[in-house]
Amino acid sequence: MNNFVFIDNRNLVLIFFVLFIFNKSLAQDSNEIQVYASATVPKKTTIFELHTNYTFVGPKLNTGYHPFLQTLEVTTGISDNFELGFYIFTYKLNGKTYYTGSNIRPRVKVPDKWGWSFGASLSSEIGFSRDPFTDQLSWGAEVRPIFDKTIGKNYFSVNPNIGLSFNEKEALFEPNIKYAYSLSKKISVGMEYYGNTGKVFKPVRLPDQEHQAFFVADLFLHPDFEFNIGIGEGLTNLSNGLNLKCFVGKRINWSKK
């Protein structure tokens, strides 16, 4: 988008203050609640993102569940259509921060010169998570096809994710969907959906699935920054009740002096 407004130090302080307030997610402990766009990070550019997710109301079967999760994501553009990302996951409990795992994520995009009428890319993740209470390690991966399209002021993105658990030897269907409407060049609002229907070829019955809807806002205050905030509500007994999620990102172009 063009015609960005300049973001001064006071705006930066406000953004990071919002993230700090969260310090004082989905039932499946999603460290990063985000629907991906198809575009990759430009070559010679790195983006640093801090994802913060807090569950105010846990699933109906476990109302005492209130995880506070933060994830540092670092993604670098390797070429015009390829990027490489790395994650550090943390879990905060009783004033302590626990390191709970890391993932590495390569992603490749369909080149613009192919002339497709929609954006498309393929992201894959592999890594491990560590239970902060038992120290048990779980290894897994994710295959995330990404399709998106902008029509006028309307933006659509679909991520039909497949989550792989190496420990359980199973593949889960975890679809994500986003719709956003551009109110101006500086802000868009919309809805995001996150689900988990169980095994790909053997979904569990609907009450045992996880479905959650978020109302979200995206701010475009400066081409080097991104900011997303959303509040979500679970739609099934196994989904978290009320969640707040936010992420802020900063781009650095290494080719600039």
Protein backbone atom coordinates (compact mmCIF):
# COMPACT_ATOMS: atom_id res chain seq x y z
CA MET A 1 0.00 0.00 0.00
CA ASN A 2 1.11 3.56 -0.65
CA ASN A 3 0.80 6.89 1.17
CA PHE A 4 1.87 5.60 4.55
CA VAL A 5 2.04 8.02 7.45
CA PHE A 6 5.30 8.42 9.32
CA ILE A 7 5.46 6.44 12.56
CA ASP A 8 7.38 8.37 15.22
CA ASN A 9 8.86 7.19 18.52
CA ARG A 10 5.63 7.90 20.42
CA ASN A 11 3.73 5.49 18.15
CA LEU A 12 6.40 2.84 18.64
CA VAL A 13 6.22 3.22 22.41
CA LEU A 14 2.43 2.84 22.25
CA ILE A 15 2.64 -0.36 20.20
CA PHE A 16 5.18 -2.01 22.48
CA PHE A 17 3.26 -0.80 25.56
CA VAL A 18 0.24 -2.71 24.27
CA LEU A 19 2.38 -5.84 24.01
CA PHE A 20 3.72 -5.27 27.53
CA ILE A 21 0.19 -5.01 28.92
CA PHE A 22 -0.48 -8.52 27.64
CA ASN A 23 2.24 -9.78 29.96
CA LYS A 24 0.52 -8.92 33.32
CA SER A 25 -4.51 -18.72 22.12
CA LEU A 26 -6.28 -21.43 21.13
CA ALA A 27 -6.76 -24.69 23.12
CA GLN A 28 -4.00 -26.33 21.12
CA ASP A 29 -1.48 -23.79 22.48
CA SER A 30 -0.99 -21.88 19.23
CA ASN A 31 2.17 -19.82 19.68
CA GLU A 32 1.44 -17.94 16.46
CA ILE A 33 -2.18 -17.16 15.59
CA GLN A 34 -1.93 -15.79 12.07
CA VAL A 35 -3.41 -16.37 8.62
CA TYR A 36 -0.56 -16.13 6.11
CA ALA A 37 -0.51 -13.99 2.99
CA SER A 38 1.10 -15.45 -0.13
CA ALA A 39 3.84 -12.81 -0.53
CA THR A 40 7.32 -13.69 0.69
CA VAL A 41 9.77 -11.30 2.34
CA PRO A 42 11.77 -9.41 -0.33
CA LYS A 43 15.34 -10.40 -1.05
CA LYS A 44 17.95 -8.94 1.35
CA THR A 45 15.20 -8.02 3.83
CA THR A 46 14.60 -9.43 7.32
CA ILE A 47 11.43 -8.99 9.37
CA PHE A 48 11.37 -9.42 13.15
CA GLU A 49 7.94 -10.23 14.59
CA LEU A 50 6.77 -10.60 18.19
CA HIS A 51 3.56 -12.62 18.56
CA THR A 52 1.64 -12.37 21.84
CA ASN A 53 -1.40 -14.54 22.65
CA TYR A 54 -3.33 -14.67 25.91
CA THR A 55 -6.33 -16.82 26.83
CA PHE A 56 -8.76 -15.05 29.16
CA VAL A 57 -11.29 -17.89 29.15
CA GLY A 58 -10.18 -21.46 28.47
CA PRO A 59 -12.28 -24.23 26.96
CA LYS A 60 -15.50 -25.11 28.76
CA LEU A 61 -13.93 -28.39 29.87
CA ASN A 62 -10.98 -26.56 31.45
CA THR A 63 -11.97 -23.05 32.52
CA GLY A 64 -8.77 -22.63 34.53
CA TYR A 65 -6.64 -22.71 31.38
CA HIS A 66 -5.01 -19.28 30.83
CA PRO A 67 -1.78 -19.66 28.83
CA PHE A 68 0.28 -16.58 27.99
CA LEU A 69 2.40 -17.31 24.91
CA GLN A 70 4.98 -15.22 23.11
CA THR A 71 6.88 -16.09 19.94
CA LEU A 72 9.81 -14.37 18.29
CA GLU A 73 9.76 -14.93 14.53
CA VAL A 74 12.68 -13.92 12.29
CA THR A 75 12.20 -14.24 8.52
CA THR A 76 14.72 -13.38 5.79
CA GLY A 77 14.17 -13.11 2.05
CA ILE A 78 16.69 -15.36 0.29
CA SER A 79 15.54 -14.68 -3.27
CA ASP A 80 12.62 -12.99 -5.03
CA ASN A 81 10.36 -15.97 -4.35
CA PHE A 82 11.93 -17.77 -1.39
CA GLU A 83 12.21 -16.94 2.32
CA LEU A 84 13.45 -18.71 5.44
CA GLY A 85 11.92 -18.22 8.88
CA PHE A 86 12.90 -19.23 12.42
CA TYR A 87 10.77 -19.28 15.59
CA ILE A 88 11.49 -19.18 19.32
CA PHE A 89 8.48 -20.16 21.45
CA THR A 90 7.96 -19.14 25.09
CA TYR A 91 5.34 -19.81 27.77
CA LYS A 92 4.91 -17.43 30.71
CA LEU A 93 3.56 -18.70 34.02
CA ASN A 94 3.69 -17.25 37.55
CA GLY A 95 6.18 -14.59 36.51
CA LYS A 96 8.56 -17.07 34.86
CA THR A 97 9.31 -17.45 31.17
CA TYR A 98 9.87 -20.96 29.80
CA TYR A 99 11.51 -21.76 26.48
CA THR A 100 9.12 -24.20 24.79
CA GLY A 101 10.66 -24.96 21.42
CA SER A 102 11.65 -23.75 17.97
CA ASN A 103 10.68 -24.25 14.33
CA ILE A 104 12.37 -23.55 11.03
CA ARG A 105 10.17 -22.54 8.10
CA PRO A 106 11.12 -22.36 4.40
CA ARG A 107 8.52 -20.88 2.04
CA VAL A 108 8.38 -20.57 -1.74
CA LYS A 109 6.02 -18.35 -3.74
CA VAL A 110 4.59 -18.71 -7.24
CA PRO A 111 6.51 -16.07 -9.29
CA ASP A 112 4.52 -13.01 -10.36
CA LYS A 113 5.70 -13.51 -13.94
CA TRP A 114 3.56 -16.64 -14.16
CA GLY A 115 0.57 -14.32 -14.31
CA TRP A 116 -1.74 -16.21 -11.95
CA SER A 117 -4.96 -14.37 -11.05
CA PHE A 118 -4.37 -15.02 -7.34
CA GLY A 119 -1.40 -15.24 -5.02
CA ALA A 120 -0.04 -18.66 -4.06
CA SER A 121 2.83 -19.96 -1.97
CA LEU A 122 3.77 -23.05 0.02
CA SER A 123 5.11 -22.87 3.57
CA SER A 124 6.48 -25.77 5.58
CA GLU A 125 7.61 -25.92 9.19
CA ILE A 126 9.52 -28.50 11.17
CA GLY A 127 10.64 -28.38 14.75
CA PHE A 128 9.89 -29.34 18.32
CA SER A 129 7.89 -28.15 21.30
CA ARG A 130 8.65 -28.72 24.98
CA ASP A 131 5.97 -29.09 27.66
CA PRO A 132 6.81 -26.44 30.32
CA PHE A 133 5.45 -28.73 33.08
CA THR A 134 6.92 -32.12 32.15
CA ASP A 135 9.82 -31.17 29.81
CA GLN A 136 8.51 -33.74 27.34
CA LEU A 137 9.57 -33.03 23.75
CA SER A 138 7.18 -33.34 20.82
CA TRP A 139 8.43 -33.23 17.24
CA GLY A 140 6.21 -32.18 14.39
CA ALA A 141 5.81 -30.35 11.11
CA GLU A 142 3.29 -28.33 9.16
CA VAL A 143 2.51 -28.08 5.46
CA ARG A 144 0.68 -24.80 4.70
CA PRO A 145 -0.57 -24.03 1.18
CA ILE A 146 -1.48 -20.33 0.92
CA PHE A 147 -3.92 -18.80 -1.54
CA ASP A 148 -5.00 -15.16 -1.44
CA LYS A 149 -6.75 -12.58 -3.59
CA THR A 150 -7.52 -8.85 -3.41
CA ILE A 151 -10.70 -7.61 -5.08
CA GLY A 152 -11.09 -3.87 -4.71
CA LYS A 153 -11.06 -3.17 -0.97
CA ASN A 154 -11.68 -6.82 -0.12
CA TYR A 155 -8.90 -9.26 0.76
CA PHE A 156 -9.27 -13.05 1.06
CA SER A 157 -6.74 -15.64 2.22
CA VAL A 158 -7.13 -19.41 2.69
CA ASN A 159 -4.54 -21.64 4.40
CA PRO A 160 -5.64 -25.32 4.31
CA ASN A 161 -2.95 -26.47 6.76
CA ILE A 162 -1.88 -30.03 7.47
CA GLY A 163 -0.28 -30.49 10.91
CA LEU A 164 2.01 -33.51 11.36
CA SER A 165 2.79 -35.05 14.74
CA PHE A 166 5.82 -37.34 14.62
CA ASN A 167 5.25 -38.55 18.18
CA GLU A 168 1.61 -39.49 17.59
CA LYS A 169 2.22 -40.45 13.95
CA GLU A 170 -0.84 -38.59 12.72
CA ALA A 171 -1.80 -35.79 10.32
CA LEU A 172 -4.38 -33.18 11.35
CA PHE A 173 -6.43 -30.82 9.20
CA GLU A 174 -6.10 -27.26 10.59
CA PRO A 175 -7.66 -24.75 8.16
CA ASN A 176 -7.22 -20.96 8.52
CA ILE A 177 -9.25 -18.33 6.64
CA LYS A 178 -9.11 -14.53 6.59
CA TYR A 179 -11.31 -11.79 5.17
CA ALA A 180 -10.34 -8.12 5.49
CA TYR A 181 -11.91 -4.91 4.27
CA SER A 182 -9.74 -1.82 3.73
CA LEU A 183 -11.24 1.17 5.50
CA SER A 184 -8.36 3.37 4.35
CA LYS A 185 -4.75 3.13 3.27
CA LYS A 186 -3.80 2.90 6.94
CA ILE A 187 -6.23 0.36 8.42
CA SER A 188 -8.25 -2.70 7.51
CA VAL A 189 -10.67 -4.73 9.61
CA GLY A 190 -12.04 -8.21 9.16
CA MET A 191 -12.46 -11.75 10.44
CA GLU A 192 -10.09 -14.68 10.88
CA TYR A 193 -11.02 -18.32 11.41
CA TYR A 194 -8.87 -21.09 12.94
CA GLY A 195 -9.90 -24.73 13.09
CA ASN A 196 -8.77 -28.25 13.88
CA THR A 197 -11.07 -31.02 12.68
CA GLY A 198 -8.85 -33.94 13.71
CA LYS A 199 -7.18 -36.48 11.47
CA VAL A 200 -7.17 -35.60 7.77
CA PHE A 201 -9.00 -38.74 6.64
CA LYS A 202 -10.87 -39.38 9.89
CA PRO A 203 -12.21 -36.13 11.40
CA VAL A 204 -13.60 -36.26 14.92
CA ARG A 205 -17.24 -35.43 15.61
CA LEU A 206 -18.06 -31.71 15.58
CA PRO A 207 -18.28 -31.17 19.39
CA ASP A 208 -14.73 -32.53 19.70
CA GLN A 209 -13.31 -30.26 16.99
CA GLU A 210 -11.69 -26.86 17.61
CA HIS A 211 -13.15 -23.81 15.87
CA GLN A 212 -12.43 -20.19 16.73
CA ALA A 213 -13.34 -16.86 15.11
CA PHE A 214 -11.42 -13.60 15.59
CA PHE A 215 -12.35 -10.00 14.85
CA VAL A 216 -9.10 -8.38 13.72
CA ALA A 217 -7.59 -5.07 12.68
CA ASP A 218 -4.42 -4.49 10.64
CA LEU A 219 -2.55 -1.18 10.75
CA PHE A 220 -0.33 0.07 7.92
CA LEU A 221 1.40 2.98 9.64
CA HIS A 222 4.75 2.70 7.89
CA PRO A 223 6.17 0.42 5.15
CA ASP A 224 8.79 -0.93 7.60
CA PHE A 225 6.26 -1.92 10.28
CA GLU A 226 3.24 -4.19 10.58
CA PHE A 227 0.70 -4.47 13.38
CA ASN A 228 -2.22 -6.86 13.87
CA ILE A 229 -4.55 -7.22 16.83
CA GLY A 230 -7.56 -9.48 17.30
CA ILE A 231 -10.01 -10.81 19.84
CA GLY A 232 -11.42 -14.29 19.39
CA GLU A 233 -14.15 -16.54 20.71
CA GLY A 234 -14.35 -20.33 20.65
CA LEU A 235 -17.26 -22.01 18.88
CA THR A 236 -17.00 -25.49 20.44
CA ASN A 237 -16.45 -26.90 23.95
CA LEU A 238 -12.83 -27.82 23.19
CA SER A 239 -11.98 -24.35 21.83
CA ASN A 240 -10.76 -21.58 24.08
CA GLY A 241 -13.49 -19.17 25.10
CA LEU A 242 -11.97 -15.68 24.88
CA ASN A 243 -8.54 -14.97 23.39
CA LEU A 244 -6.53 -11.86 22.67
CA LYS A 245 -3.77 -11.99 20.07
CA CYS A 246 -1.39 -9.40 18.70
CA PHE A 247 1.78 -9.19 16.69
CA VAL A 248 4.08 -6.35 15.72
CA GLY A 249 6.79 -6.59 13.07
CA LYS A 250 9.79 -4.53 11.97
CA ARG A 251 11.43 -4.87 8.54
CA ILE A 252 15.11 -4.20 7.89
CA ASN A 253 16.40 -3.89 4.32
CA TRP A 254 20.07 -4.94 4.38
CA SER A 255 20.73 -3.54 0.89
CA LYS A 256 20.17 0.02 2.11
CA LYS A 257 23.11 2.00 3.43
